[in-house]
Amino acid sequence: MAIINLLVGGPVDMIPDAAVLKAQEGSWIGVDYGATHLLKQGIKPVLALGDFDSTSPAELTRLQRTIPRVEVFKNKTEHTDTQLGVLAAIRDFHAEQINIYGATGGRLDQLLANLFLPLQETYRPYLRMINFIDAENHVSFYEPGAYTIHKLPRMRYLAFVNLIPCAGLTLPDEKYPLFNWSANIPVCWSSNEFKGTINHFSFQKGVIAVIQSVDQQHGNA
């Protein structure tokens, strides 16, 4: 499986530490300041791209001297930096899994733009391969069907969010079960938990974001 990891220029305190990043399988794309952060952590991305408005001229010069491919996009009108990174992962590196780090925390508008990205026509065919990951959360996306989900290390909580109208959401074996639930507006079923290390869910209509998360003070839960 071709795994491509993106580090975008979100708040550093929400990015997992260097040991976690280095342990992640696959190649890296650095997006805007994310490329500089990767180099600081001892990780050399295969590509750096963005408008680099969060990167100093000296940092950009270092990127251009160190990374084999650097693409500077000025006066962007159609795509955010994160979207450009996802497009590169799909088109240039034929990704089968895309893990996006640094896209959460900080400005709420940027967070929402990132979380809604998989719903857009360009990215919808790749929805199942996109994950958003930070120090406290892992977000994945699902279209209608029946699924088995596995508890990730450290994570304590489990949430189900219908991003568009949904029908038939069923959580048969979670700590707080739910059966054949439907809604026309987005709703977050938060603070659920696994029973054991494997659970299941299903639905007939919509797009569901599944979030595994942990509070920092419960990092060892």
C-alpha atoms as a PDB file:
ATOM      1  CA  MET A   1       0.000   0.000   0.000  1.00  0.00           C
ATOM      2  CA  ALA A   2       1.325   3.439  -0.969  1.00  0.00           C
ATOM      3  CA  ILE A   3       1.107   5.592   2.148  1.00  0.00           C
ATOM      4  CA  ILE A   4       1.659   9.332   1.873  1.00  0.00           C
ATOM      5  CA  ASN A   5       1.807  11.507   4.978  1.00  0.00           C
ATOM      6  CA  LEU A   6       1.189  15.252   4.853  1.00  0.00           C
ATOM      7  CA  LEU A   7       2.331  17.695   7.492  1.00  0.00           C
ATOM      8  CA  VAL A   8       0.609  21.036   7.078  1.00  0.00           C
ATOM      9  CA  GLY A   9       1.297  24.248   8.912  1.00  0.00           C
ATOM     10  CA  GLY A  10      -1.028  23.897  11.901  1.00  0.00           C
ATOM     11  CA  PRO A  11      -0.195  24.541  15.575  1.00  0.00           C
ATOM     12  CA  VAL A  12       2.955  22.681  16.569  1.00  0.00           C
ATOM     13  CA  ASP A  13       1.503  21.666  19.936  1.00  0.00           C
ATOM     14  CA  MET A  14      -1.105  19.518  18.181  1.00  0.00           C
ATOM     15  CA  ILE A  15       1.463  17.646  16.075  1.00  0.00           C
ATOM     16  CA  PRO A  16       2.687  14.310  17.492  1.00  0.00           C
ATOM     17  CA  ASP A  17       6.304  14.292  18.618  1.00  0.00           C
ATOM     18  CA  ALA A  18       9.208  13.398  16.357  1.00  0.00           C
ATOM     19  CA  ALA A  19       9.327   9.752  17.435  1.00  0.00           C
ATOM     20  CA  VAL A  20       5.703   9.240  16.356  1.00  0.00           C
ATOM     21  CA  LEU A  21       6.239  10.996  13.025  1.00  0.00           C
ATOM     22  CA  LYS A  22       9.396   9.009  12.268  1.00  0.00           C
ATOM     23  CA  ALA A  23       7.632   5.743  13.092  1.00  0.00           C
ATOM     24  CA  GLN A  24       4.862   6.459  10.567  1.00  0.00           C
ATOM     25  CA  GLU A  25       5.190   4.245   7.504  1.00  0.00           C
ATOM     26  CA  GLY A  26       5.332   5.928   4.108  1.00  0.00           C
ATOM     27  CA  SER A  27       6.729   9.063   2.457  1.00  0.00           C
ATOM     28  CA  TRP A  28       6.162  12.654   3.568  1.00  0.00           C
ATOM     29  CA  ILE A  29       4.931  15.808   1.863  1.00  0.00           C
ATOM     30  CA  GLY A  30       5.575  19.060   3.703  1.00  0.00           C
ATOM     31  CA  VAL A  31       2.910  21.710   3.216  1.00  0.00           C
ATOM     32  CA  ASP A  32       3.985  25.321   3.870  1.00  0.00           C
ATOM     33  CA  TYR A  33       5.614  25.495   7.327  1.00  0.00           C
ATOM     34  CA  GLY A  34       5.022  21.763   7.708  1.00  0.00           C
ATOM     35  CA  ALA A  35       8.056  21.185   5.456  1.00  0.00           C
ATOM     36  CA  THR A  36      10.302  23.198   7.772  1.00  0.00           C
ATOM     37  CA  HIS A  37       8.917  21.381  10.820  1.00  0.00           C
ATOM     38  CA  LEU A  38       9.674  18.027   9.213  1.00  0.00           C
ATOM     39  CA  LEU A  39      13.296  18.999   8.603  1.00  0.00           C
ATOM     40  CA  LYS A  40      13.585  20.145  12.218  1.00  0.00           C
ATOM     41  CA  GLN A  41      12.382  16.684  13.292  1.00  0.00           C
ATOM     42  CA  GLY A  42      14.955  14.951  11.102  1.00  0.00           C
ATOM     43  CA  ILE A  43      12.488  13.931   8.388  1.00  0.00           C
ATOM     44  CA  LYS A  44      13.193  14.784   4.735  1.00  0.00           C
ATOM     45  CA  PRO A  45       9.985  15.054   2.687  1.00  0.00           C
ATOM     46  CA  VAL A  46       9.855  14.023  -0.959  1.00  0.00           C
ATOM     47  CA  LEU A  47       7.972  17.223  -1.788  1.00  0.00           C
ATOM     48  CA  ALA A  48       7.364  20.631  -0.223  1.00  0.00           C
ATOM     49  CA  LEU A  49       4.583  22.832  -1.539  1.00  0.00           C
ATOM     50  CA  GLY A  50       2.294  25.728  -0.686  1.00  0.00           C
ATOM     51  CA  ASP A  51       2.320  29.503  -0.750  1.00  0.00           C
ATOM     52  CA  PHE A  52       4.868  29.451   2.110  1.00  0.00           C
ATOM     53  CA  ASP A  53       3.349  32.536   3.695  1.00  0.00           C
ATOM     54  CA  SER A  54       4.177  31.004   7.088  1.00  0.00           C
ATOM     55  CA  THR A  55       7.776  30.274   6.083  1.00  0.00           C
ATOM     56  CA  SER A  56      10.590  32.815   6.307  1.00  0.00           C
ATOM     57  CA  PRO A  57      12.781  33.508   3.239  1.00  0.00           C
ATOM     58  CA  ALA A  58      15.721  31.806   4.976  1.00  0.00           C
ATOM     59  CA  GLU A  59      13.598  28.744   5.751  1.00  0.00           C
ATOM     60  CA  LEU A  60      12.348  28.586   2.160  1.00  0.00           C
ATOM     61  CA  THR A  61      15.933  28.768   0.881  1.00  0.00           C
ATOM     62  CA  ARG A  62      16.857  25.833   3.131  1.00  0.00           C
ATOM     63  CA  LEU A  63      13.903  23.841   1.800  1.00  0.00           C
ATOM     64  CA  GLN A  64      14.962  24.509  -1.792  1.00  0.00           C
ATOM     65  CA  ARG A  65      18.508  23.376  -1.034  1.00  0.00           C
ATOM     66  CA  THR A  66      17.490  20.265   0.887  1.00  0.00           C
ATOM     67  CA  ILE A  67      14.289  18.839  -0.597  1.00  0.00           C
ATOM     68  CA  PRO A  68      14.366  17.384  -4.119  1.00  0.00           C
ATOM     69  CA  ARG A  69      11.143  19.068  -5.194  1.00  0.00           C
ATOM     70  CA  VAL A  70       9.728  22.382  -3.931  1.00  0.00           C
ATOM     71  CA  GLU A  71       6.658  23.961  -5.517  1.00  0.00           C
ATOM     72  CA  VAL A  72       5.706  27.528  -4.611  1.00  0.00           C
ATOM     73  CA  PHE A  73       2.119  28.539  -5.335  1.00  0.00           C
ATOM     74  CA  LYS A  74       1.440  32.274  -5.234  1.00  0.00           C
ATOM     75  CA  ASN A  75      -1.942  33.940  -5.653  1.00  0.00           C
ATOM     76  CA  LYS A  76      -3.849  30.695  -5.059  1.00  0.00           C
ATOM     77  CA  THR A  77      -7.521  30.970  -5.988  1.00  0.00           C
ATOM     78  CA  GLU A  78      -8.847  27.419  -6.323  1.00  0.00           C
ATOM     79  CA  HIS A  79      -7.084  25.361  -3.667  1.00  0.00           C
ATOM     80  CA  THR A  80      -5.888  25.657  -0.096  1.00  0.00           C
ATOM     81  CA  ASP A  81      -2.403  24.440   0.760  1.00  0.00           C
ATOM     82  CA  THR A  82      -3.887  21.284   2.296  1.00  0.00           C
ATOM     83  CA  GLN A  83      -5.884  20.593  -0.870  1.00  0.00           C
ATOM     84  CA  LEU A  84      -2.741  21.020  -2.956  1.00  0.00           C
ATOM     85  CA  GLY A  85      -0.976  18.475  -0.766  1.00  0.00           C
ATOM     86  CA  VAL A  86      -3.795  15.959  -1.088  1.00  0.00           C
ATOM     87  CA  LEU A  87      -3.919  16.414  -4.863  1.00  0.00           C
ATOM     88  CA  ALA A  88      -0.165  15.825  -5.090  1.00  0.00           C
ATOM     89  CA  ALA A  89      -0.448  12.692  -2.958  1.00  0.00           C
ATOM     90  CA  ILE A  90      -3.134  11.327  -5.283  1.00  0.00           C
ATOM     91  CA  ARG A  91      -1.868  12.409  -8.683  1.00  0.00           C
ATOM     92  CA  ASP A  92       1.900  12.352  -8.279  1.00  0.00           C
ATOM     93  CA  PHE A  93       2.434   9.596  -5.723  1.00  0.00           C
ATOM     94  CA  HIS A  94      -0.644   7.418  -6.340  1.00  0.00           C
ATOM     95  CA  ALA A  95      -1.454   7.287  -2.640  1.00  0.00           C
ATOM     96  CA  GLU A  96      -3.679   4.545  -1.297  1.00  0.00           C
ATOM     97  CA  GLN A  97      -3.689   6.049   2.184  1.00  0.00           C
ATOM     98  CA  ILE A  98      -3.251   9.732   3.074  1.00  0.00           C
ATOM     99  CA  ASN A  99      -2.493  10.697   6.665  1.00  0.00           C
ATOM    100  CA  ILE A 100      -2.746  14.434   7.287  1.00  0.00           C
ATOM    101  CA  TYR A 101      -0.998  15.925  10.324  1.00  0.00           C
ATOM    102  CA  GLY A 102      -1.103  19.544  11.491  1.00  0.00           C
ATOM    103  CA  ALA A 103      -4.552  20.239  10.020  1.00  0.00           C
ATOM    104  CA  THR A 104      -6.406  20.565  13.340  1.00  0.00           C
ATOM    105  CA  GLY A 105      -6.279  23.066  16.177  1.00  0.00           C
ATOM    106  CA  GLY A 106      -5.796  26.792  15.755  1.00  0.00           C
ATOM    107  CA  ARG A 107      -8.210  28.684  13.511  1.00  0.00           C
ATOM    108  CA  LEU A 108     -11.702  27.233  13.375  1.00  0.00           C
ATOM    109  CA  ASP A 109     -12.255  28.170   9.717  1.00  0.00           C
ATOM    110  CA  GLN A 110      -9.172  26.231   8.663  1.00  0.00           C
ATOM    111  CA  LEU A 111     -10.221  23.240  10.759  1.00  0.00           C
ATOM    112  CA  LEU A 112     -13.670  23.153   9.139  1.00  0.00           C
ATOM    113  CA  ALA A 113     -12.206  23.592   5.651  1.00  0.00           C
ATOM    114  CA  ASN A 114      -9.996  20.568   6.270  1.00  0.00           C
ATOM    115  CA  LEU A 115     -12.702  18.349   7.793  1.00  0.00           C
ATOM    116  CA  PHE A 116     -15.115  19.115   4.950  1.00  0.00           C
ATOM    117  CA  LEU A 117     -12.446  18.493   2.285  1.00  0.00           C
ATOM    118  CA  PRO A 118     -13.365  14.804   1.737  1.00  0.00           C
ATOM    119  CA  LEU A 119     -16.947  15.822   0.869  1.00  0.00           C
ATOM    120  CA  GLN A 120     -15.896  17.881  -2.133  1.00  0.00           C
ATOM    121  CA  GLU A 121     -16.346  16.421  -5.598  1.00  0.00           C
ATOM    122  CA  THR A 122     -12.620  16.314  -6.382  1.00  0.00           C
ATOM    123  CA  TYR A 123     -11.753  14.356  -3.217  1.00  0.00           C
ATOM    124  CA  ARG A 124     -14.925  12.326  -2.619  1.00  0.00           C
ATOM    125  CA  PRO A 125     -13.676   9.290  -4.597  1.00  0.00           C
ATOM    126  CA  TYR A 126     -10.696   9.142  -2.196  1.00  0.00           C
ATOM    127  CA  LEU A 127     -12.684   9.726   0.992  1.00  0.00           C
ATOM    128  CA  ARG A 128     -11.863   6.359   2.568  1.00  0.00           C
ATOM    129  CA  MET A 129      -8.112   6.832   2.213  1.00  0.00           C
ATOM    130  CA  ILE A 130      -7.979  10.207   4.026  1.00  0.00           C
ATOM    131  CA  ASN A 131      -7.206  10.442   7.752  1.00  0.00           C
ATOM    132  CA  PHE A 132      -6.624  13.483   9.935  1.00  0.00           C
ATOM    133  CA  ILE A 133      -4.269  12.807  12.835  1.00  0.00           C
ATOM    134  CA  ASP A 134      -3.032  14.945  15.709  1.00  0.00           C
ATOM    135  CA  ALA A 135      -1.744  14.390  19.233  1.00  0.00           C
ATOM    136  CA  GLU A 136      -5.269  13.748  20.568  1.00  0.00           C
ATOM    137  CA  ASN A 137      -7.424  12.674  17.613  1.00  0.00           C
ATOM    138  CA  HIS A 138      -7.663  10.319  14.659  1.00  0.00           C
ATOM    139  CA  VAL A 139     -10.419  11.094  12.135  1.00  0.00           C
ATOM    140  CA  SER A 140     -11.460   8.782   9.298  1.00  0.00           C
ATOM    141  CA  PHE A 141     -14.355   8.962   6.850  1.00  0.00           C
ATOM    142  CA  TYR A 142     -16.920   6.417   5.682  1.00  0.00           C
ATOM    143  CA  GLU A 143     -19.624   6.098   3.038  1.00  0.00           C
ATOM    144  CA  PRO A 144     -22.670   3.809   3.502  1.00  0.00           C
ATOM    145  CA  GLY A 145     -21.903   0.244   4.482  1.00  0.00           C
ATOM    146  CA  ALA A 146     -21.073  -2.012   7.419  1.00  0.00           C
ATOM    147  CA  TYR A 147     -17.674  -1.670   9.052  1.00  0.00           C
ATOM    148  CA  THR A 148     -15.358  -3.130  11.656  1.00  0.00           C
ATOM    149  CA  ILE A 149     -13.227  -0.608  13.552  1.00  0.00           C
ATOM    150  CA  HIS A 150     -10.198  -1.283  15.730  1.00  0.00           C
ATOM    151  CA  LYS A 151      -9.254   0.702  18.807  1.00  0.00           C
ATOM    152  CA  LEU A 152      -6.062   2.663  18.298  1.00  0.00           C
ATOM    153  CA  PRO A 153      -3.362   2.720  20.984  1.00  0.00           C
ATOM    154  CA  ARG A 154      -3.848   5.429  23.624  1.00  0.00           C
ATOM    155  CA  MET A 155      -7.274   6.464  22.355  1.00  0.00           C
ATOM    156  CA  ARG A 156     -10.115   6.463  24.888  1.00  0.00           C
ATOM    157  CA  TYR A 157     -13.152   7.996  23.214  1.00  0.00           C
ATOM    158  CA  LEU A 158     -15.104   7.154  20.070  1.00  0.00           C
ATOM    159  CA  ALA A 159     -17.379   9.566  18.186  1.00  0.00           C
ATOM    160  CA  PHE A 160     -19.594   9.289  15.112  1.00  0.00           C
ATOM    161  CA  VAL A 161     -20.432  12.449  13.157  1.00  0.00           C
ATOM    162  CA  ASN A 162     -22.762  12.556  10.180  1.00  0.00           C
ATOM    163  CA  LEU A 163     -21.362  15.323   7.979  1.00  0.00           C
ATOM    164  CA  ILE A 164     -24.375  15.288   5.641  1.00  0.00           C
ATOM    165  CA  PRO A 165     -27.919  13.877   6.083  1.00  0.00           C
ATOM    166  CA  CYS A 166     -27.695  10.240   7.101  1.00  0.00           C
ATOM    167  CA  ALA A 167     -29.981   7.261   7.586  1.00  0.00           C
ATOM    168  CA  GLY A 168     -29.822   4.037   9.545  1.00  0.00           C
ATOM    169  CA  LEU A 169     -26.777   4.705  11.715  1.00  0.00           C
ATOM    170  CA  THR A 170     -26.383   1.698  14.000  1.00  0.00           C
ATOM    171  CA  LEU A 171     -23.766   1.208  16.731  1.00  0.00           C
ATOM    172  CA  PRO A 172     -24.510  -2.333  17.876  1.00  0.00           C
ATOM    173  CA  ASP A 173     -21.668  -3.098  20.258  1.00  0.00           C
ATOM    174  CA  GLU A 174     -20.217   0.216  21.431  1.00  0.00           C
ATOM    175  CA  LYS A 175     -20.456   1.209  25.107  1.00  0.00           C
ATOM    176  CA  TYR A 176     -23.497   3.342  24.241  1.00  0.00           C
ATOM    177  CA  PRO A 177     -25.388   1.575  21.433  1.00  0.00           C
ATOM    178  CA  LEU A 178     -27.568   3.269  18.828  1.00  0.00           C
ATOM    179  CA  PHE A 179     -29.992   1.676  16.395  1.00  0.00           C
ATOM    180  CA  ASN A 180     -31.304   2.810  13.012  1.00  0.00           C
ATOM    181  CA  TRP A 181     -30.841   6.519  13.706  1.00  0.00           C
ATOM    182  CA  SER A 182     -31.335   9.133  10.979  1.00  0.00           C
ATOM    183  CA  ALA A 183     -30.930  12.920  10.749  1.00  0.00           C
ATOM    184  CA  ASN A 184     -31.112  15.701   8.184  1.00  0.00           C
ATOM    185  CA  ILE A 185     -28.558  17.906   9.945  1.00  0.00           C
ATOM    186  CA  PRO A 186     -25.000  17.156  11.149  1.00  0.00           C
ATOM    187  CA  VAL A 187     -24.943  15.612  14.631  1.00  0.00           C
ATOM    188  CA  CYS A 188     -21.980  14.458  16.695  1.00  0.00           C
ATOM    189  CA  TRP A 189     -22.477  11.359  18.847  1.00  0.00           C
ATOM    190  CA  SER A 190     -19.494  12.116  21.061  1.00  0.00           C
ATOM    191  CA  SER A 191     -17.819  10.527  24.093  1.00  0.00           C
ATOM    192  CA  ASN A 192     -18.768   6.970  23.189  1.00  0.00           C
ATOM    193  CA  GLU A 193     -16.207   4.247  23.870  1.00  0.00           C
ATOM    194  CA  PHE A 194     -15.107   0.866  22.590  1.00  0.00           C
ATOM    195  CA  LYS A 195     -16.173  -2.328  24.288  1.00  0.00           C
ATOM    196  CA  GLY A 196     -13.043  -4.381  23.899  1.00  0.00           C
ATOM    197  CA  THR A 197     -10.666  -3.523  21.069  1.00  0.00           C
ATOM    198  CA  ILE A 198     -12.996  -4.136  18.104  1.00  0.00           C
ATOM    199  CA  ASN A 199     -16.418  -2.656  17.412  1.00  0.00           C
ATOM    200  CA  HIS A 200     -18.782  -2.335  14.479  1.00  0.00           C
ATOM    201  CA  PHE A 201     -21.109   0.213  12.906  1.00  0.00           C
ATOM    202  CA  SER A 202     -23.273   0.554   9.826  1.00  0.00           C
ATOM    203  CA  PHE A 203     -25.454   3.072   7.995  1.00  0.00           C
ATOM    204  CA  GLN A 204     -27.406   3.305   4.732  1.00  0.00           C
ATOM    205  CA  LYS A 205     -27.022   6.946   3.676  1.00  0.00           C
ATOM    206  CA  GLY A 206     -24.628   9.832   4.183  1.00  0.00           C
ATOM    207  CA  VAL A 207     -20.992  10.329   5.147  1.00  0.00           C
ATOM    208  CA  ILE A 208     -19.807   9.535   8.661  1.00  0.00           C
ATOM    209  CA  ALA A 209     -16.625  10.821  10.299  1.00  0.00           C
ATOM    210  CA  VAL A 210     -15.354   8.446  12.974  1.00  0.00           C
ATOM    211  CA  ILE A 211     -13.168  10.085  15.599  1.00  0.00           C
ATOM    212  CA  GLN A 212     -10.994   8.257  18.077  1.00  0.00           C
ATOM    213  CA  SER A 213      -9.637  10.652  20.685  1.00  0.00           C
ATOM    214  CA  VAL A 214      -7.994  11.055  24.058  1.00  0.00           C
ATOM    215  CA  ASP A 215      -7.672  13.919  26.522  1.00  0.00           C
ATOM    216  CA  GLN A 216      -4.035  14.883  27.047  1.00  0.00           C
ATOM    217  CA  GLN A 217      -4.306  14.234  30.774  1.00  0.00           C
ATOM    218  CA  HIS A 218      -5.519  10.712  29.915  1.00  0.00           C
ATOM    219  CA  GLY A 219      -2.734  10.033  27.445  1.00  0.00           C
ATOM    220  CA  ASN A 220      -2.018   6.638  28.937  1.00  0.00           C
ATOM    221  CA  ALA A 221      -5.645   5.465  28.960  1.00  0.00           C
END
